[in-house]
Amino acid sequence: MYERNGERGITLLELSMVLVVIGIIMGIAIFSWMSFIEAKKVSETYSDLTSVKNCLFSKMLYSTKYPTYSDPLTAQMCANHSYSSEKEVDLCICGGRKDAWGHYIRYIDGFDASNSSLAGKDALKRPWAGITYAYSPSPESQIIDKDGKVVTKVAFVLVSFGKDGHADDPSYANMFVGDNLVGDLRVSTPCFNCTSPAHRDDLYLVVTGDEIRAFLSRR
């Protein structure tokens, strides 16, 4: 402070210090707000993944078969509404919600003991309907989760590529050529733990054969 004609004033240095403090406070506030927005989008995307899963489960409830899909199924097909409404994955992904960043959710198909796709195969025995054999995912149909744990007997995986719209790891990035939305666990084992935490933004939801059978058995 300085005095002039008996009045106290603010020096340029003091004013600069006040502006610096205000800038720091605003920077912290903006960072906190952006962090809150991103956390909200992560939460919304987990909800979107669950919504697609529930859509697929509702279709399986009546067919008792693993979900089917167009080959290929692309983002362009979704945008142009040229996907098949008779294919469960097409309908639930293209006709459902995108993730919170506006990207289509991706589907990775599992495989059975004969190394064949599970798509369209019976997931539950129904002797009264003449279905006496149910297919299960192979123990080799697996992923490595974000904690480094191997999850086996995977029926399918739903994946959001997060904020950047790109897969975090080559182990599953290579499954999706161009804008294809369907991958295959026979190609490789997706690793959601192989990228450093600072570079991870993908979100996923794993569905095992046991979960599907438990759900269908309650019908």
C-alpha atoms as a PDB file:
ATOM      1  CA  MET A   1       0.000   0.000   0.000  1.00  0.00           C
ATOM      2  CA  TYR A   2       1.052   3.582  -0.508  1.00  0.00           C
ATOM      3  CA  GLU A   3      -0.411   6.886   0.654  1.00  0.00           C
ATOM      4  CA  ARG A   4      -1.134   9.919  -1.535  1.00  0.00           C
ATOM      5  CA  ASN A   5      -2.806  13.038  -0.158  1.00  0.00           C
ATOM      6  CA  GLY A   6      -3.657  11.034   2.929  1.00  0.00           C
ATOM      7  CA  GLU A   7      -5.351   8.238   0.911  1.00  0.00           C
ATOM      8  CA  ARG A   8      -4.127   4.619   0.861  1.00  0.00           C
ATOM      9  CA  GLY A   9      -3.700   2.965  -2.532  1.00  0.00           C
ATOM     10  CA  ILE A  10      -2.602  -0.374  -4.008  1.00  0.00           C
ATOM     11  CA  THR A  11       0.796  -0.780  -5.585  1.00  0.00           C
ATOM     12  CA  LEU A  12       1.251  -2.496  -8.941  1.00  0.00           C
ATOM     13  CA  LEU A  13       2.996  -5.374  -7.182  1.00  0.00           C
ATOM     14  CA  GLU A  14       0.085  -5.905  -4.813  1.00  0.00           C
ATOM     15  CA  LEU A  15      -2.379  -5.769  -7.702  1.00  0.00           C
ATOM     16  CA  SER A  16      -0.318  -8.313  -9.613  1.00  0.00           C
ATOM     17  CA  MET A  17      -0.302 -10.647  -6.609  1.00  0.00           C
ATOM     18  CA  VAL A  18      -4.087 -10.390  -6.301  1.00  0.00           C
ATOM     19  CA  LEU A  19      -4.521 -11.197 -10.005  1.00  0.00           C
ATOM     20  CA  VAL A  20      -2.169 -14.187  -9.686  1.00  0.00           C
ATOM     21  CA  VAL A  21      -4.177 -15.541  -6.742  1.00  0.00           C
ATOM     22  CA  ILE A  22      -7.448 -15.055  -8.636  1.00  0.00           C
ATOM     23  CA  GLY A  23      -5.936 -16.836 -11.648  1.00  0.00           C
ATOM     24  CA  ILE A  24      -4.852 -19.774  -9.490  1.00  0.00           C
ATOM     25  CA  ILE A  25      -8.280 -20.054  -7.894  1.00  0.00           C
ATOM     26  CA  MET A  26      -9.987 -19.932 -11.297  1.00  0.00           C
ATOM     27  CA  GLY A  27      -7.581 -22.534 -12.668  1.00  0.00           C
ATOM     28  CA  ILE A  28      -8.350 -24.886  -9.787  1.00  0.00           C
ATOM     29  CA  ALA A  29     -12.079 -24.304 -10.220  1.00  0.00           C
ATOM     30  CA  ILE A  30     -11.946 -24.983 -13.978  1.00  0.00           C
ATOM     31  CA  PHE A  31      -9.842 -28.135 -13.460  1.00  0.00           C
ATOM     32  CA  SER A  32     -12.246 -29.385 -10.789  1.00  0.00           C
ATOM     33  CA  TRP A  33     -15.223 -28.695 -13.042  1.00  0.00           C
ATOM     34  CA  MET A  34     -13.635 -30.504 -16.003  1.00  0.00           C
ATOM     35  CA  SER A  35     -12.777 -33.454 -13.758  1.00  0.00           C
ATOM     36  CA  PHE A  36     -16.380 -33.535 -12.561  1.00  0.00           C
ATOM     37  CA  ILE A  37     -17.683 -33.491 -16.145  1.00  0.00           C
ATOM     38  CA  GLU A  38     -15.360 -36.352 -17.192  1.00  0.00           C
ATOM     39  CA  ALA A  39     -16.311 -38.403 -14.118  1.00  0.00           C
ATOM     40  CA  LYS A  40     -19.974 -37.849 -15.004  1.00  0.00           C
ATOM     41  CA  LYS A  41     -19.342 -39.043 -18.569  1.00  0.00           C
ATOM     42  CA  VAL A  42     -17.592 -42.154 -17.298  1.00  0.00           C
ATOM     43  CA  SER A  43     -20.584 -42.920 -15.079  1.00  0.00           C
ATOM     44  CA  GLU A  44     -22.999 -42.292 -17.962  1.00  0.00           C
ATOM     45  CA  THR A  45     -21.001 -44.588 -20.250  1.00  0.00           C
ATOM     46  CA  TYR A  46     -21.069 -47.437 -17.739  1.00  0.00           C
ATOM     47  CA  SER A  47     -24.826 -46.920 -17.708  1.00  0.00           C
ATOM     48  CA  ASP A  48     -24.838 -47.030 -21.535  1.00  0.00           C
ATOM     49  CA  LEU A  49     -22.872 -50.302 -21.525  1.00  0.00           C
ATOM     50  CA  THR A  50     -25.352 -51.778 -19.050  1.00  0.00           C
ATOM     51  CA  SER A  51     -28.233 -50.557 -21.201  1.00  0.00           C
ATOM     52  CA  VAL A  52     -26.848 -52.391 -24.258  1.00  0.00           C
ATOM     53  CA  LYS A  53     -26.272 -55.521 -22.165  1.00  0.00           C
ATOM     54  CA  ASN A  54     -29.848 -55.394 -20.861  1.00  0.00           C
ATOM     55  CA  CYS A  55     -31.115 -54.966 -24.421  1.00  0.00           C
ATOM     56  CA  LEU A  56     -29.200 -58.071 -25.516  1.00  0.00           C
ATOM     57  CA  PHE A  57     -30.390 -60.031 -22.494  1.00  0.00           C
ATOM     58  CA  SER A  58     -33.993 -59.099 -23.235  1.00  0.00           C
ATOM     59  CA  LYS A  59     -33.582 -60.552 -26.746  1.00  0.00           C
ATOM     60  CA  MET A  60     -31.916 -63.703 -25.394  1.00  0.00           C
ATOM     61  CA  LEU A  61     -34.732 -64.148 -22.913  1.00  0.00           C
ATOM     62  CA  TYR A  62     -37.026 -65.158 -25.763  1.00  0.00           C
ATOM     63  CA  SER A  63     -34.600 -66.858 -28.128  1.00  0.00           C
ATOM     64  CA  THR A  64     -32.290 -68.456 -25.491  1.00  0.00           C
ATOM     65  CA  LYS A  65     -29.551 -68.054 -28.109  1.00  0.00           C
ATOM     66  CA  TYR A  66     -26.367 -66.005 -28.072  1.00  0.00           C
ATOM     67  CA  PRO A  67     -26.691 -62.650 -29.869  1.00  0.00           C
ATOM     68  CA  THR A  68     -26.260 -62.446 -33.629  1.00  0.00           C
ATOM     69  CA  TYR A  69     -24.877 -59.584 -35.725  1.00  0.00           C
ATOM     70  CA  SER A  70     -24.220 -58.459 -39.273  1.00  0.00           C
ATOM     71  CA  ASP A  71     -20.768 -59.219 -40.613  1.00  0.00           C
ATOM     72  CA  PRO A  72     -19.543 -56.592 -40.954  1.00  0.00           C
ATOM     73  CA  LEU A  73     -21.438 -54.205 -38.722  1.00  0.00           C
ATOM     74  CA  THR A  74     -20.055 -50.695 -39.124  1.00  0.00           C
ATOM     75  CA  ALA A  75     -20.661 -47.279 -37.617  1.00  0.00           C
ATOM     76  CA  GLN A  76     -21.683 -46.096 -41.089  1.00  0.00           C
ATOM     77  CA  MET A  77     -24.374 -48.792 -41.223  1.00  0.00           C
ATOM     78  CA  CYS A  78     -25.683 -47.560 -37.877  1.00  0.00           C
ATOM     79  CA  ALA A  79     -25.673 -43.941 -39.034  1.00  0.00           C
ATOM     80  CA  ASN A  80     -27.439 -44.841 -42.296  1.00  0.00           C
ATOM     81  CA  HIS A  81     -29.926 -47.156 -40.572  1.00  0.00           C
ATOM     82  CA  SER A  82     -28.832 -49.927 -42.937  1.00  0.00           C
ATOM     83  CA  TYR A  83     -28.229 -52.443 -40.152  1.00  0.00           C
ATOM     84  CA  SER A  84     -30.415 -55.514 -39.639  1.00  0.00           C
ATOM     85  CA  SER A  85     -33.263 -55.147 -37.167  1.00  0.00           C
ATOM     86  CA  GLU A  86     -33.318 -58.958 -36.969  1.00  0.00           C
ATOM     87  CA  LYS A  87     -29.795 -59.118 -35.532  1.00  0.00           C
ATOM     88  CA  GLU A  88     -29.688 -58.524 -31.794  1.00  0.00           C
ATOM     89  CA  VAL A  89     -26.307 -56.800 -31.690  1.00  0.00           C
ATOM     90  CA  ASP A  90     -27.215 -54.539 -34.621  1.00  0.00           C
ATOM     91  CA  LEU A  91     -30.449 -53.521 -32.967  1.00  0.00           C
ATOM     92  CA  CYS A  92     -29.064 -52.970 -29.463  1.00  0.00           C
ATOM     93  CA  ILE A  93     -25.935 -51.094 -30.559  1.00  0.00           C
ATOM     94  CA  CYS A  94     -27.187 -49.124 -33.556  1.00  0.00           C
ATOM     95  CA  GLY A  95     -30.643 -48.582 -32.164  1.00  0.00           C
ATOM     96  CA  GLY A  96     -29.437 -47.982 -28.616  1.00  0.00           C
ATOM     97  CA  ARG A  97     -27.428 -45.268 -26.953  1.00  0.00           C
ATOM     98  CA  LYS A  98     -23.916 -44.171 -27.863  1.00  0.00           C
ATOM     99  CA  ASP A  99     -21.405 -43.604 -25.103  1.00  0.00           C
ATOM    100  CA  ALA A 100     -21.143 -40.225 -23.373  1.00  0.00           C
ATOM    101  CA  TRP A 101     -18.579 -39.020 -25.946  1.00  0.00           C
ATOM    102  CA  GLY A 102     -20.866 -39.793 -28.880  1.00  0.00           C
ATOM    103  CA  HIS A 103     -19.156 -43.024 -30.027  1.00  0.00           C
ATOM    104  CA  TYR A 104     -20.900 -46.292 -30.831  1.00  0.00           C
ATOM    105  CA  ILE A 105     -20.305 -49.068 -28.329  1.00  0.00           C
ATOM    106  CA  ARG A 106     -18.391 -52.059 -29.693  1.00  0.00           C
ATOM    107  CA  TYR A 107     -19.127 -55.762 -29.301  1.00  0.00           C
ATOM    108  CA  ILE A 108     -16.509 -58.527 -29.003  1.00  0.00           C
ATOM    109  CA  ASP A 109     -17.855 -62.035 -29.625  1.00  0.00           C
ATOM    110  CA  GLY A 110     -16.720 -65.104 -27.680  1.00  0.00           C
ATOM    111  CA  PHE A 111     -16.202 -68.645 -28.971  1.00  0.00           C
ATOM    112  CA  ASP A 112     -16.953 -72.213 -27.916  1.00  0.00           C
ATOM    113  CA  ALA A 113     -14.776 -75.298 -27.372  1.00  0.00           C
ATOM    114  CA  SER A 114     -14.702 -76.006 -31.126  1.00  0.00           C
ATOM    115  CA  ASN A 115     -13.250 -72.519 -31.710  1.00  0.00           C
ATOM    116  CA  SER A 116     -16.476 -71.408 -33.401  1.00  0.00           C
ATOM    117  CA  SER A 117     -18.376 -68.179 -32.830  1.00  0.00           C
ATOM    118  CA  LEU A 118     -21.156 -68.346 -30.265  1.00  0.00           C
ATOM    119  CA  ALA A 119     -23.446 -66.136 -32.360  1.00  0.00           C
ATOM    120  CA  GLY A 120     -26.875 -67.705 -32.839  1.00  0.00           C
ATOM    121  CA  LYS A 121     -26.087 -70.866 -30.871  1.00  0.00           C
ATOM    122  CA  ASP A 122     -28.302 -72.213 -28.091  1.00  0.00           C
ATOM    123  CA  ALA A 123     -27.265 -70.934 -24.675  1.00  0.00           C
ATOM    124  CA  LEU A 124     -29.740 -73.044 -22.693  1.00  0.00           C
ATOM    125  CA  LYS A 125     -31.107 -76.573 -22.972  1.00  0.00           C
ATOM    126  CA  ARG A 126     -34.826 -76.757 -23.700  1.00  0.00           C
ATOM    127  CA  PRO A 127     -35.746 -80.462 -23.991  1.00  0.00           C
ATOM    128  CA  TRP A 128     -39.445 -79.655 -24.416  1.00  0.00           C
ATOM    129  CA  ALA A 129     -38.495 -77.667 -27.519  1.00  0.00           C
ATOM    130  CA  GLY A 130     -36.135 -80.366 -28.824  1.00  0.00           C
ATOM    131  CA  ILE A 131     -32.998 -78.471 -27.763  1.00  0.00           C
ATOM    132  CA  THR A 132     -30.904 -80.975 -25.819  1.00  0.00           C
ATOM    133  CA  TYR A 133     -27.506 -79.294 -26.057  1.00  0.00           C
ATOM    134  CA  ALA A 134     -26.361 -75.883 -24.899  1.00  0.00           C
ATOM    135  CA  TYR A 135     -23.138 -74.221 -26.005  1.00  0.00           C
ATOM    136  CA  SER A 136     -20.762 -72.660 -23.517  1.00  0.00           C
ATOM    137  CA  PRO A 137     -17.857 -70.279 -24.052  1.00  0.00           C
ATOM    138  CA  SER A 138     -14.485 -71.983 -24.143  1.00  0.00           C
ATOM    139  CA  PRO A 139     -12.143 -71.458 -21.162  1.00  0.00           C
ATOM    140  CA  GLU A 140      -9.834 -69.906 -23.781  1.00  0.00           C
ATOM    141  CA  SER A 141     -12.478 -67.297 -24.600  1.00  0.00           C
ATOM    142  CA  GLN A 142     -11.045 -64.755 -22.216  1.00  0.00           C
ATOM    143  CA  ILE A 143      -9.882 -61.225 -21.440  1.00  0.00           C
ATOM    144  CA  ILE A 144      -7.413 -59.615 -19.045  1.00  0.00           C
ATOM    145  CA  ASP A 145      -9.303 -57.093 -16.926  1.00  0.00           C
ATOM    146  CA  LYS A 146      -8.077 -53.719 -15.666  1.00  0.00           C
ATOM    147  CA  ASP A 147      -6.705 -55.349 -12.496  1.00  0.00           C
ATOM    148  CA  GLY A 148      -4.652 -57.869 -14.466  1.00  0.00           C
ATOM    149  CA  LYS A 149      -7.002 -60.756 -13.696  1.00  0.00           C
ATOM    150  CA  VAL A 150      -7.795 -63.266 -16.447  1.00  0.00           C
ATOM    151  CA  VAL A 151     -11.560 -63.669 -16.936  1.00  0.00           C
ATOM    152  CA  THR A 152     -12.410 -66.945 -18.694  1.00  0.00           C
ATOM    153  CA  LYS A 153     -15.481 -68.360 -20.439  1.00  0.00           C
ATOM    154  CA  VAL A 154     -16.392 -64.954 -21.823  1.00  0.00           C
ATOM    155  CA  ALA A 155     -19.533 -64.888 -23.962  1.00  0.00           C
ATOM    156  CA  PHE A 156     -19.099 -61.302 -25.115  1.00  0.00           C
ATOM    157  CA  VAL A 157     -17.564 -57.970 -24.166  1.00  0.00           C
ATOM    158  CA  LEU A 158     -19.026 -54.494 -24.647  1.00  0.00           C
ATOM    159  CA  VAL A 159     -16.430 -51.748 -25.064  1.00  0.00           C
ATOM    160  CA  SER A 160     -16.395 -47.960 -25.170  1.00  0.00           C
ATOM    161  CA  PHE A 161     -13.245 -46.434 -26.639  1.00  0.00           C
ATOM    162  CA  GLY A 162     -13.586 -43.530 -24.230  1.00  0.00           C
ATOM    163  CA  LYS A 163     -12.966 -39.854 -24.758  1.00  0.00           C
ATOM    164  CA  ASP A 164     -10.400 -40.203 -27.567  1.00  0.00           C
ATOM    165  CA  GLY A 165     -12.479 -42.736 -29.531  1.00  0.00           C
ATOM    166  CA  HIS A 166      -9.488 -45.066 -29.976  1.00  0.00           C
ATOM    167  CA  ALA A 167      -8.672 -48.428 -28.385  1.00  0.00           C
ATOM    168  CA  ASP A 168      -6.133 -48.238 -25.578  1.00  0.00           C
ATOM    169  CA  ASP A 169      -4.289 -51.426 -26.519  1.00  0.00           C
ATOM    170  CA  PRO A 170      -3.378 -53.227 -29.784  1.00  0.00           C
ATOM    171  CA  SER A 171      -4.639 -56.517 -28.320  1.00  0.00           C
ATOM    172  CA  TYR A 172      -8.158 -55.492 -29.280  1.00  0.00           C
ATOM    173  CA  ALA A 173      -7.604 -52.443 -31.480  1.00  0.00           C
ATOM    174  CA  ASN A 174      -6.631 -54.819 -34.295  1.00  0.00           C
ATOM    175  CA  MET A 175     -10.048 -56.494 -34.125  1.00  0.00           C
ATOM    176  CA  PHE A 176     -11.777 -53.403 -35.413  1.00  0.00           C
ATOM    177  CA  VAL A 177     -10.839 -52.606 -39.007  1.00  0.00           C
ATOM    178  CA  GLY A 178     -12.022 -49.193 -40.156  1.00  0.00           C
ATOM    179  CA  ASP A 179     -15.280 -48.366 -38.418  1.00  0.00           C
ATOM    180  CA  ASN A 180     -16.255 -51.990 -37.755  1.00  0.00           C
ATOM    181  CA  LEU A 181     -18.115 -52.359 -34.453  1.00  0.00           C
ATOM    182  CA  VAL A 182     -17.739 -56.121 -33.942  1.00  0.00           C
ATOM    183  CA  GLY A 183     -14.588 -57.911 -32.801  1.00  0.00           C
ATOM    184  CA  ASP A 184     -13.731 -61.568 -32.195  1.00  0.00           C
ATOM    185  CA  LEU A 185     -11.995 -63.106 -29.176  1.00  0.00           C
ATOM    186  CA  ARG A 186     -10.479 -65.735 -31.475  1.00  0.00           C
ATOM    187  CA  VAL A 187      -8.240 -63.027 -32.894  1.00  0.00           C
ATOM    188  CA  SER A 188      -6.524 -62.262 -29.580  1.00  0.00           C
ATOM    189  CA  THR A 189      -7.095 -61.836 -25.845  1.00  0.00           C
ATOM    190  CA  PRO A 190      -8.043 -58.213 -25.085  1.00  0.00           C
ATOM    191  CA  CYS A 191      -5.862 -56.734 -22.367  1.00  0.00           C
ATOM    192  CA  PHE A 192      -7.392 -53.833 -20.442  1.00  0.00           C
ATOM    193  CA  ASN A 193      -4.376 -53.743 -18.112  1.00  0.00           C
ATOM    194  CA  CYS A 194      -1.514 -53.574 -20.592  1.00  0.00           C
ATOM    195  CA  THR A 195      -1.547 -49.798 -21.102  1.00  0.00           C
ATOM    196  CA  SER A 196      -0.266 -47.447 -18.407  1.00  0.00           C
ATOM    197  CA  PRO A 197      -3.075 -46.029 -16.222  1.00  0.00           C
ATOM    198  CA  ALA A 198      -2.295 -42.511 -17.436  1.00  0.00           C
ATOM    199  CA  HIS A 199      -3.198 -43.521 -21.002  1.00  0.00           C
ATOM    200  CA  ARG A 200      -6.273 -45.628 -20.240  1.00  0.00           C
ATOM    201  CA  ASP A 201      -9.730 -44.274 -20.951  1.00  0.00           C
ATOM    202  CA  ASP A 202     -11.539 -47.290 -22.423  1.00  0.00           C
ATOM    203  CA  LEU A 203     -14.494 -48.696 -20.500  1.00  0.00           C
ATOM    204  CA  TYR A 204     -15.842 -52.212 -20.839  1.00  0.00           C
ATOM    205  CA  LEU A 205     -18.392 -54.694 -19.549  1.00  0.00           C
ATOM    206  CA  VAL A 206     -17.741 -58.446 -19.602  1.00  0.00           C
ATOM    207  CA  VAL A 207     -20.508 -61.035 -19.816  1.00  0.00           C
ATOM    208  CA  THR A 208     -19.655 -64.673 -19.114  1.00  0.00           C
ATOM    209  CA  GLY A 209     -21.484 -67.804 -20.149  1.00  0.00           C
ATOM    210  CA  ASP A 210     -22.277 -68.536 -16.498  1.00  0.00           C
ATOM    211  CA  GLU A 211     -23.991 -65.151 -16.155  1.00  0.00           C
ATOM    212  CA  ILE A 212     -26.099 -65.792 -19.240  1.00  0.00           C
ATOM    213  CA  ARG A 213     -27.127 -69.279 -18.131  1.00  0.00           C
ATOM    214  CA  ALA A 214     -28.019 -68.006 -14.661  1.00  0.00           C
ATOM    215  CA  PHE A 215     -30.162 -65.287 -16.208  1.00  0.00           C
ATOM    216  CA  LEU A 216     -31.924 -67.585 -18.680  1.00  0.00           C
ATOM    217  CA  SER A 217     -32.518 -70.281 -16.066  1.00  0.00           C
ATOM    218  CA  ARG A 218     -34.700 -67.866 -14.104  1.00  0.00           C
ATOM    219  CA  ARG A 219     -37.082 -67.321 -17.002  1.00  0.00           C
END
